[in-house]
């Protein structure tokens, strides 16, 4: 009986992956924030292109692993990495590398949070009788829609969309599915910006990361958000009528 309680509760062993991610993230922010930026990319762009041309497969592998590490450990430089994917590998396979690596990194955070606190918090919410339980039930009934919305809305921080689902007990397969397809619009936009990065650097400028908030980009993304929210709205209307 005690063993079952310990299995469902918090323990240092369960928290270790999440603590490791937090520790690496803090250290990475301090150590790498001045290196994983556009100036570093600008200064090393010719060397990167030469290395890519001589070692395409190795460059692809190193880039994907680096991107997974950046996302998995919440390190600074995710935007720079996304643009680098376009800069080195063009829109395709650059967008595929970016989206695939980001999905794998996000899945690592999801499992670390799920193992550390997710099962415990989900059980607590299920056992409660107040708003927390209703919120969790609402999320569980509309998992796909809520997860897509968190991925599509540009204002939702990426790490929040990685952690929150794990803490409320959503299904892993739904998390992976919505992460991969939900980040494609933003991933394609930033990869596309990265394709033209060489010309931007040649003019002595920095890329415009705010392009995703331009109406001709934001409009279609908001349209996808509306489609994702439609099942939630239908359920709510039906609940009101019932």
C-alpha atoms as a PDB file:
ATOM      1  CA  UNK A   1       0.000   0.000   0.000  1.00  0.00           C
ATOM      2  CA  UNK A   2       2.789   2.418   0.915  1.00  0.00           C
ATOM      3  CA  UNK A   3       4.611   1.398  -2.252  1.00  0.00           C
ATOM      4  CA  UNK A   4       1.590   2.374  -4.360  1.00  0.00           C
ATOM      5  CA  UNK A   5       1.404   5.734  -2.621  1.00  0.00           C
ATOM      6  CA  UNK A   6       5.074   6.392  -3.234  1.00  0.00           C
ATOM      7  CA  UNK A   7       4.684   5.366  -6.865  1.00  0.00           C
ATOM      8  CA  UNK A   8       1.966   7.973  -7.375  1.00  0.00           C
ATOM      9  CA  UNK A   9       3.585  10.680  -5.262  1.00  0.00           C
ATOM     10  CA  UNK A  10       6.584  12.940  -5.611  1.00  0.00           C
ATOM     11  CA  UNK A  11      10.104  11.628  -5.160  1.00  0.00           C
ATOM     12  CA  UNK A  12      13.614  12.872  -5.874  1.00  0.00           C
ATOM     13  CA  UNK A  13      14.147  10.056  -8.380  1.00  0.00           C
ATOM     14  CA  UNK A  14      11.056  11.089 -10.357  1.00  0.00           C
ATOM     15  CA  UNK A  15      11.951  14.769 -10.149  1.00  0.00           C
ATOM     16  CA  UNK A  16      15.560  14.235 -11.260  1.00  0.00           C
ATOM     17  CA  UNK A  17      14.982  14.586 -15.047  1.00  0.00           C
ATOM     18  CA  UNK A  18      12.998  17.796 -14.550  1.00  0.00           C
ATOM     19  CA  UNK A  19      15.575  19.179 -12.111  1.00  0.00           C
ATOM     20  CA  UNK A  20      18.345  18.321 -14.590  1.00  0.00           C
ATOM     21  CA  UNK A  21      16.552  20.197 -17.362  1.00  0.00           C
ATOM     22  CA  UNK A  22      16.049  23.212 -15.078  1.00  0.00           C
ATOM     23  CA  UNK A  23      19.715  23.154 -14.041  1.00  0.00           C
ATOM     24  CA  UNK A  24      21.000  22.886 -17.616  1.00  0.00           C
ATOM     25  CA  UNK A  25      18.546  25.583 -18.742  1.00  0.00           C
ATOM     26  CA  UNK A  26      19.802  27.981 -16.054  1.00  0.00           C
ATOM     27  CA  UNK A  27      23.436  27.232 -16.833  1.00  0.00           C
ATOM     28  CA  UNK A  28      22.819  27.466 -20.568  1.00  0.00           C
ATOM     29  CA  UNK A  29      21.110  30.832 -20.223  1.00  0.00           C
ATOM     30  CA  UNK A  30      24.111  32.221 -18.367  1.00  0.00           C
ATOM     31  CA  UNK A  31      26.779  30.608 -20.553  1.00  0.00           C
ATOM     32  CA  UNK A  32      25.215  30.732 -24.028  1.00  0.00           C
ATOM     33  CA  UNK A  33      23.014  33.823 -24.158  1.00  0.00           C
ATOM     34  CA  UNK A  34      25.849  35.880 -25.700  1.00  0.00           C
ATOM     35  CA  UNK A  35      26.806  33.186 -28.236  1.00  0.00           C
ATOM     36  CA  UNK A  36      23.567  31.792 -29.666  1.00  0.00           C
ATOM     37  CA  UNK A  37      22.606  35.028 -31.368  1.00  0.00           C
ATOM     38  CA  UNK A  38      22.523  36.553 -34.844  1.00  0.00           C
ATOM     39  CA  UNK A  39      25.946  38.162 -34.502  1.00  0.00           C
ATOM     40  CA  UNK A  40      27.570  34.770 -33.947  1.00  0.00           C
ATOM     41  CA  UNK A  41      25.711  33.396 -36.956  1.00  0.00           C
ATOM     42  CA  UNK A  42      26.700  36.415 -39.049  1.00  0.00           C
ATOM     43  CA  UNK A  43      30.389  36.013 -38.162  1.00  0.00           C
ATOM     44  CA  UNK A  44      30.442  32.264 -38.860  1.00  0.00           C
ATOM     45  CA  UNK A  45      28.077  31.991 -41.823  1.00  0.00           C
ATOM     46  CA  UNK A  46      30.793  31.394 -44.442  1.00  0.00           C
ATOM     47  CA  UNK A  47      32.485  28.709 -42.331  1.00  0.00           C
ATOM     48  CA  UNK A  48      29.113  27.021 -41.756  1.00  0.00           C
ATOM     49  CA  UNK A  49      28.343  26.979 -45.476  1.00  0.00           C
ATOM     50  CA  UNK A  50      31.769  25.537 -46.298  1.00  0.00           C
ATOM     51  CA  UNK A  51      31.387  22.825 -43.664  1.00  0.00           C
ATOM     52  CA  UNK A  52      27.865  22.013 -44.889  1.00  0.00           C
ATOM     53  CA  UNK A  53      29.025  21.705 -48.497  1.00  0.00           C
ATOM     54  CA  UNK A  54      31.850  19.361 -47.471  1.00  0.00           C
ATOM     55  CA  UNK A  55      29.866  17.343 -44.874  1.00  0.00           C
ATOM     56  CA  UNK A  56      26.147  17.632 -45.654  1.00  0.00           C
ATOM     57  CA  UNK A  57      24.969  14.542 -43.746  1.00  0.00           C
ATOM     58  CA  UNK A  58      27.102  15.314 -40.694  1.00  0.00           C
ATOM     59  CA  UNK A  59      25.967  18.947 -40.700  1.00  0.00           C
ATOM     60  CA  UNK A  60      22.331  17.823 -40.840  1.00  0.00           C
ATOM     61  CA  UNK A  61      22.831  15.394 -37.964  1.00  0.00           C
ATOM     62  CA  UNK A  62      24.697  17.898 -35.778  1.00  0.00           C
ATOM     63  CA  UNK A  63      22.097  20.583 -36.477  1.00  0.00           C
ATOM     64  CA  UNK A  64      19.173  18.314 -35.576  1.00  0.00           C
ATOM     65  CA  UNK A  65      20.850  17.118 -32.360  1.00  0.00           C
ATOM     66  CA  UNK A  66      21.736  20.713 -31.412  1.00  0.00           C
ATOM     67  CA  UNK A  67      18.158  21.851 -32.021  1.00  0.00           C
ATOM     68  CA  UNK A  68      16.795  18.960 -29.937  1.00  0.00           C
ATOM     69  CA  UNK A  69      19.147  19.969 -27.102  1.00  0.00           C
ATOM     70  CA  UNK A  70      18.131  23.645 -27.339  1.00  0.00           C
ATOM     71  CA  UNK A  71      14.440  22.786 -27.069  1.00  0.00           C
ATOM     72  CA  UNK A  72      14.831  19.843 -24.690  1.00  0.00           C
ATOM     73  CA  UNK A  73      16.838  21.879 -22.199  1.00  0.00           C
ATOM     74  CA  UNK A  74      15.019  25.186 -22.882  1.00  0.00           C
ATOM     75  CA  UNK A  75      18.286  26.827 -23.896  1.00  0.00           C
ATOM     76  CA  UNK A  76      18.417  30.276 -25.499  1.00  0.00           C
ATOM     77  CA  UNK A  77      18.717  30.414 -29.261  1.00  0.00           C
ATOM     78  CA  UNK A  78      15.648  28.556 -30.563  1.00  0.00           C
ATOM     79  CA  UNK A  79      14.773  31.393 -32.957  1.00  0.00           C
ATOM     80  CA  UNK A  80      18.364  31.557 -34.217  1.00  0.00           C
ATOM     81  CA  UNK A  81      18.346  27.783 -34.692  1.00  0.00           C
ATOM     82  CA  UNK A  82      15.116  27.935 -36.706  1.00  0.00           C
ATOM     83  CA  UNK A  83      16.551  30.560 -39.029  1.00  0.00           C
ATOM     84  CA  UNK A  84      19.789  28.630 -39.293  1.00  0.00           C
ATOM     85  CA  UNK A  85      17.799  25.624 -40.508  1.00  0.00           C
ATOM     86  CA  UNK A  86      16.533  27.701 -43.436  1.00  0.00           C
ATOM     87  CA  UNK A  87      19.894  29.359 -43.997  1.00  0.00           C
ATOM     88  CA  UNK A  88      21.782  26.048 -44.260  1.00  0.00           C
ATOM     89  CA  UNK A  89      19.173  23.686 -45.701  1.00  0.00           C
ATOM     90  CA  UNK A  90      16.636  25.920 -47.519  1.00  0.00           C
ATOM     91  CA  UNK A  91      12.885  25.708 -46.937  1.00  0.00           C
ATOM     92  CA  UNK A  92      13.026  21.952 -47.460  1.00  0.00           C
ATOM     93  CA  UNK A  93      14.403  19.990 -45.704  1.00  0.00           C
ATOM     94  CA  UNK A  94      15.115  22.921 -43.328  1.00  0.00           C
ATOM     95  CA  UNK A  95      11.494  23.197 -42.160  1.00  0.00           C
ATOM     96  CA  UNK A  96      11.318  19.427 -41.650  1.00  0.00           C
ATOM     97  CA  UNK A  97      14.536  19.482 -39.591  1.00  0.00           C
ATOM     98  CA  UNK A  98      13.231  22.381 -37.483  1.00  0.00           C
ATOM     99  CA  UNK A  99       9.770  20.946 -36.841  1.00  0.00           C
ATOM    100  CA  UNK A 100      11.012  17.391 -36.259  1.00  0.00           C
ATOM    101  CA  UNK A 101      13.782  18.414 -33.859  1.00  0.00           C
ATOM    102  CA  UNK A 102      11.500  20.797 -31.967  1.00  0.00           C
ATOM    103  CA  UNK A 103       8.914  18.012 -31.582  1.00  0.00           C
ATOM    104  CA  UNK A 104      11.503  15.579 -30.205  1.00  0.00           C
ATOM    105  CA  UNK A 105      12.864  18.202 -27.787  1.00  0.00           C
ATOM    106  CA  UNK A 106       9.351  19.123 -26.650  1.00  0.00           C
ATOM    107  CA  UNK A 107       8.550  15.446 -26.095  1.00  0.00           C
ATOM    108  CA  UNK A 108      11.611  15.136 -23.846  1.00  0.00           C
ATOM    109  CA  UNK A 109      10.387  18.019 -21.675  1.00  0.00           C
ATOM    110  CA  UNK A 110       6.885  16.516 -21.638  1.00  0.00           C
ATOM    111  CA  UNK A 111       8.165  13.181 -20.306  1.00  0.00           C
ATOM    112  CA  UNK A 112      10.440  14.818 -17.745  1.00  0.00           C
ATOM    113  CA  UNK A 113       7.503  16.846 -16.418  1.00  0.00           C
ATOM    114  CA  UNK A 114       5.126  13.870 -16.598  1.00  0.00           C
ATOM    115  CA  UNK A 115       7.510  11.611 -14.670  1.00  0.00           C
ATOM    116  CA  UNK A 116       8.361  14.315 -12.152  1.00  0.00           C
ATOM    117  CA  UNK A 117       5.025  15.911 -11.323  1.00  0.00           C
ATOM    118  CA  UNK A 118       2.462  15.148 -14.028  1.00  0.00           C
ATOM    119  CA  UNK A 119       0.979  11.939 -12.643  1.00  0.00           C
ATOM    120  CA  UNK A 120       0.906  13.372  -9.119  1.00  0.00           C
ATOM    121  CA  UNK A 121      -0.818  16.625 -10.141  1.00  0.00           C
ATOM    122  CA  UNK A 122      -3.233  14.869 -12.502  1.00  0.00           C
ATOM    123  CA  UNK A 123      -4.267  12.490  -9.699  1.00  0.00           C
ATOM    124  CA  UNK A 124      -4.745  15.441  -7.320  1.00  0.00           C
ATOM    125  CA  UNK A 125      -6.929  17.238  -9.863  1.00  0.00           C
ATOM    126  CA  UNK A 126      -9.006  14.101 -10.443  1.00  0.00           C
ATOM    127  CA  UNK A 127      -9.476  13.649  -6.703  1.00  0.00           C
ATOM    128  CA  UNK A 128     -10.568  17.234  -6.151  1.00  0.00           C
ATOM    129  CA  UNK A 129     -14.171  18.336  -6.465  1.00  0.00           C
ATOM    130  CA  UNK A 130     -13.666  21.986  -7.338  1.00  0.00           C
ATOM    131  CA  UNK A 131     -12.674  24.072 -10.369  1.00  0.00           C
ATOM    132  CA  UNK A 132      -9.381  22.182 -10.811  1.00  0.00           C
ATOM    133  CA  UNK A 133     -11.220  18.963 -11.621  1.00  0.00           C
ATOM    134  CA  UNK A 134     -13.578  20.735 -14.035  1.00  0.00           C
ATOM    135  CA  UNK A 135     -10.633  22.356 -15.817  1.00  0.00           C
ATOM    136  CA  UNK A 136      -8.914  19.009 -16.192  1.00  0.00           C
ATOM    137  CA  UNK A 137     -12.108  17.369 -17.457  1.00  0.00           C
ATOM    138  CA  UNK A 138     -12.536  20.168 -19.985  1.00  0.00           C
ATOM    139  CA  UNK A 139      -8.975  19.721 -21.205  1.00  0.00           C
ATOM    140  CA  UNK A 140      -9.356  15.948 -21.434  1.00  0.00           C
ATOM    141  CA  UNK A 141     -12.601  16.264 -23.409  1.00  0.00           C
ATOM    142  CA  UNK A 142     -11.007  18.696 -25.878  1.00  0.00           C
ATOM    143  CA  UNK A 143      -7.360  17.625 -25.805  1.00  0.00           C
ATOM    144  CA  UNK A 144      -6.639  17.900 -29.517  1.00  0.00           C
ATOM    145  CA  UNK A 145      -8.297  21.311 -29.861  1.00  0.00           C
ATOM    146  CA  UNK A 146      -6.647  22.804 -26.767  1.00  0.00           C
ATOM    147  CA  UNK A 147      -3.226  21.458 -27.705  1.00  0.00           C
ATOM    148  CA  UNK A 148      -3.514  22.774 -31.255  1.00  0.00           C
ATOM    149  CA  UNK A 149      -4.549  26.190 -29.915  1.00  0.00           C
ATOM    150  CA  UNK A 150      -1.517  26.353 -27.615  1.00  0.00           C
ATOM    151  CA  UNK A 151       0.770  25.563 -30.545  1.00  0.00           C
ATOM    152  CA  UNK A 152      -0.874  27.868 -33.054  1.00  0.00           C
ATOM    153  CA  UNK A 153      -1.294  30.997 -30.917  1.00  0.00           C
ATOM    154  CA  UNK A 154       2.028  32.901 -31.243  1.00  0.00           C
ATOM    155  CA  UNK A 155       1.579  34.503 -27.800  1.00  0.00           C
ATOM    156  CA  UNK A 156       1.809  31.161 -25.930  1.00  0.00           C
ATOM    157  CA  UNK A 157       5.460  30.529 -24.902  1.00  0.00           C
ATOM    158  CA  UNK A 158       6.804  27.261 -26.297  1.00  0.00           C
ATOM    159  CA  UNK A 159       7.932  25.915 -22.917  1.00  0.00           C
ATOM    160  CA  UNK A 160       4.474  26.561 -21.432  1.00  0.00           C
ATOM    161  CA  UNK A 161       2.910  24.508 -24.233  1.00  0.00           C
ATOM    162  CA  UNK A 162       5.404  21.743 -23.385  1.00  0.00           C
ATOM    163  CA  UNK A 163       4.913  21.681 -19.615  1.00  0.00           C
ATOM    164  CA  UNK A 164       1.210  22.376 -19.072  1.00  0.00           C
ATOM    165  CA  UNK A 165      -0.084  19.341 -21.022  1.00  0.00           C
ATOM    166  CA  UNK A 166       2.210  17.032 -19.044  1.00  0.00           C
ATOM    167  CA  UNK A 167       0.992  18.466 -15.745  1.00  0.00           C
ATOM    168  CA  UNK A 168      -2.702  17.927 -16.505  1.00  0.00           C
ATOM    169  CA  UNK A 169      -2.305  14.380 -17.812  1.00  0.00           C
ATOM    170  CA  UNK A 170      -2.962  14.669 -21.565  1.00  0.00           C
ATOM    171  CA  UNK A 171      -2.202  11.671 -23.779  1.00  0.00           C
ATOM    172  CA  UNK A 172       1.357  11.560 -25.086  1.00  0.00           C
ATOM    173  CA  UNK A 173       0.310  10.589 -28.614  1.00  0.00           C
ATOM    174  CA  UNK A 174      -2.005  13.618 -28.764  1.00  0.00           C
ATOM    175  CA  UNK A 175       0.806  15.832 -27.510  1.00  0.00           C
ATOM    176  CA  UNK A 176       3.229  14.606 -30.195  1.00  0.00           C
ATOM    177  CA  UNK A 177       0.613  14.816 -32.953  1.00  0.00           C
ATOM    178  CA  UNK A 178      -0.472  18.368 -32.143  1.00  0.00           C
ATOM    179  CA  UNK A 179       3.075  19.544 -31.499  1.00  0.00           C
ATOM    180  CA  UNK A 180       4.378  18.355 -34.862  1.00  0.00           C
ATOM    181  CA  UNK A 181       1.483  19.651 -36.931  1.00  0.00           C
ATOM    182  CA  UNK A 182       0.730  22.667 -34.740  1.00  0.00           C
ATOM    183  CA  UNK A 183       4.198  24.193 -35.052  1.00  0.00           C
ATOM    184  CA  UNK A 184       4.409  23.696 -38.829  1.00  0.00           C
ATOM    185  CA  UNK A 185       2.956  27.161 -39.700  1.00  0.00           C
ATOM    186  CA  UNK A 186       5.365  29.068 -37.437  1.00  0.00           C
ATOM    187  CA  UNK A 187       8.217  26.704 -38.291  1.00  0.00           C
ATOM    188  CA  UNK A 188       7.762  27.247 -42.027  1.00  0.00           C
ATOM    189  CA  UNK A 189       7.621  31.041 -41.557  1.00  0.00           C
ATOM    190  CA  UNK A 190      10.889  31.205 -39.585  1.00  0.00           C
ATOM    191  CA  UNK A 191      12.599  28.725 -41.912  1.00  0.00           C
ATOM    192  CA  UNK A 192      11.485  30.834 -44.841  1.00  0.00           C
ATOM    193  CA  UNK A 193      12.987  33.945 -43.200  1.00  0.00           C
ATOM    194  CA  UNK A 194      16.200  31.970 -42.687  1.00  0.00           C
ATOM    195  CA  UNK A 195      16.426  31.139 -46.398  1.00  0.00           C
ATOM    196  CA  UNK A 196      17.013  34.826 -47.113  1.00  0.00           C
ATOM    197  CA  UNK A 197      19.354  35.352 -44.171  1.00  0.00           C
ATOM    198  CA  UNK A 198      22.456  35.661 -46.343  1.00  0.00           C
ATOM    199  CA  UNK A 199      21.036  38.686 -48.154  1.00  0.00           C
ATOM    200  CA  UNK A 200      19.913  40.238 -44.863  1.00  0.00           C
ATOM    201  CA  UNK A 201      23.418  39.897 -43.402  1.00  0.00           C
ATOM    202  CA  UNK A 202      24.961  41.246 -46.616  1.00  0.00           C
ATOM    203  CA  UNK A 203      22.928  44.440 -46.108  1.00  0.00           C
ATOM    204  CA  UNK A 204      24.190  44.681 -42.525  1.00  0.00           C
ATOM    205  CA  UNK A 205      20.709  44.091 -41.085  1.00  0.00           C
ATOM    206  CA  UNK A 206      19.108  41.636 -38.687  1.00  0.00           C
ATOM    207  CA  UNK A 207      16.166  39.401 -39.667  1.00  0.00           C
ATOM    208  CA  UNK A 208      12.643  40.510 -38.836  1.00  0.00           C
ATOM    209  CA  UNK A 209      11.356  37.965 -36.311  1.00  0.00           C
ATOM    210  CA  UNK A 210       8.177  39.987 -35.924  1.00  0.00           C
ATOM    211  CA  UNK A 211       7.086  38.898 -39.401  1.00  0.00           C
ATOM    212  CA  UNK A 212       4.823  36.262 -37.853  1.00  0.00           C
ATOM    213  CA  UNK A 213       2.678  39.115 -36.498  1.00  0.00           C
ATOM    214  CA  UNK A 214       2.255  40.665 -39.952  1.00  0.00           C
ATOM    215  CA  UNK A 215      -1.370  40.353 -41.021  1.00  0.00           C
ATOM    216  CA  UNK A 216      -0.697  38.300 -44.162  1.00  0.00           C
ATOM    217  CA  UNK A 217       1.026  35.710 -41.919  1.00  0.00           C
ATOM    218  CA  UNK A 218      -1.015  36.098 -38.739  1.00  0.00           C
ATOM    219  CA  UNK A 219      -4.371  36.037 -40.549  1.00  0.00           C
ATOM    220  CA  UNK A 220      -4.118  32.440 -41.822  1.00  0.00           C
ATOM    221  CA  UNK A 221      -2.723  31.300 -38.446  1.00  0.00           C
ATOM    222  CA  UNK A 222      -5.713  32.879 -36.675  1.00  0.00           C
ATOM    223  CA  UNK A 223      -7.936  31.068 -39.158  1.00  0.00           C
ATOM    224  CA  UNK A 224      -6.333  27.780 -38.092  1.00  0.00           C
ATOM    225  CA  UNK A 225      -6.890  28.794 -34.458  1.00  0.00           C
ATOM    226  CA  UNK A 226     -10.584  29.318 -35.202  1.00  0.00           C
ATOM    227  CA  UNK A 227     -10.811  25.846 -36.759  1.00  0.00           C
ATOM    228  CA  UNK A 228      -9.056  24.320 -33.748  1.00  0.00           C
ATOM    229  CA  UNK A 229     -11.433  26.115 -31.363  1.00  0.00           C
ATOM    230  CA  UNK A 230     -14.578  25.106 -33.252  1.00  0.00           C
ATOM    231  CA  UNK A 231     -15.031  21.679 -31.547  1.00  0.00           C
ATOM    232  CA  UNK A 232     -14.691  23.367 -28.135  1.00  0.00           C
ATOM    233  CA  UNK A 233     -17.342  25.941 -29.085  1.00  0.00           C
ATOM    234  CA  UNK A 234     -19.693  23.239 -30.375  1.00  0.00           C
ATOM    235  CA  UNK A 235     -19.330  21.218 -27.163  1.00  0.00           C
ATOM    236  CA  UNK A 236     -19.968  24.349 -25.095  1.00  0.00           C
ATOM    237  CA  UNK A 237     -23.101  25.271 -27.075  1.00  0.00           C
ATOM    238  CA  UNK A 238     -24.439  21.728 -26.828  1.00  0.00           C
ATOM    239  CA  UNK A 239     -23.764  21.773 -23.070  1.00  0.00           C
ATOM    240  CA  UNK A 240     -25.711  25.005 -22.728  1.00  0.00           C
ATOM    241  CA  UNK A 241     -28.644  23.619 -24.706  1.00  0.00           C
ATOM    242  CA  UNK A 242     -28.624  20.430 -22.597  1.00  0.00           C
END
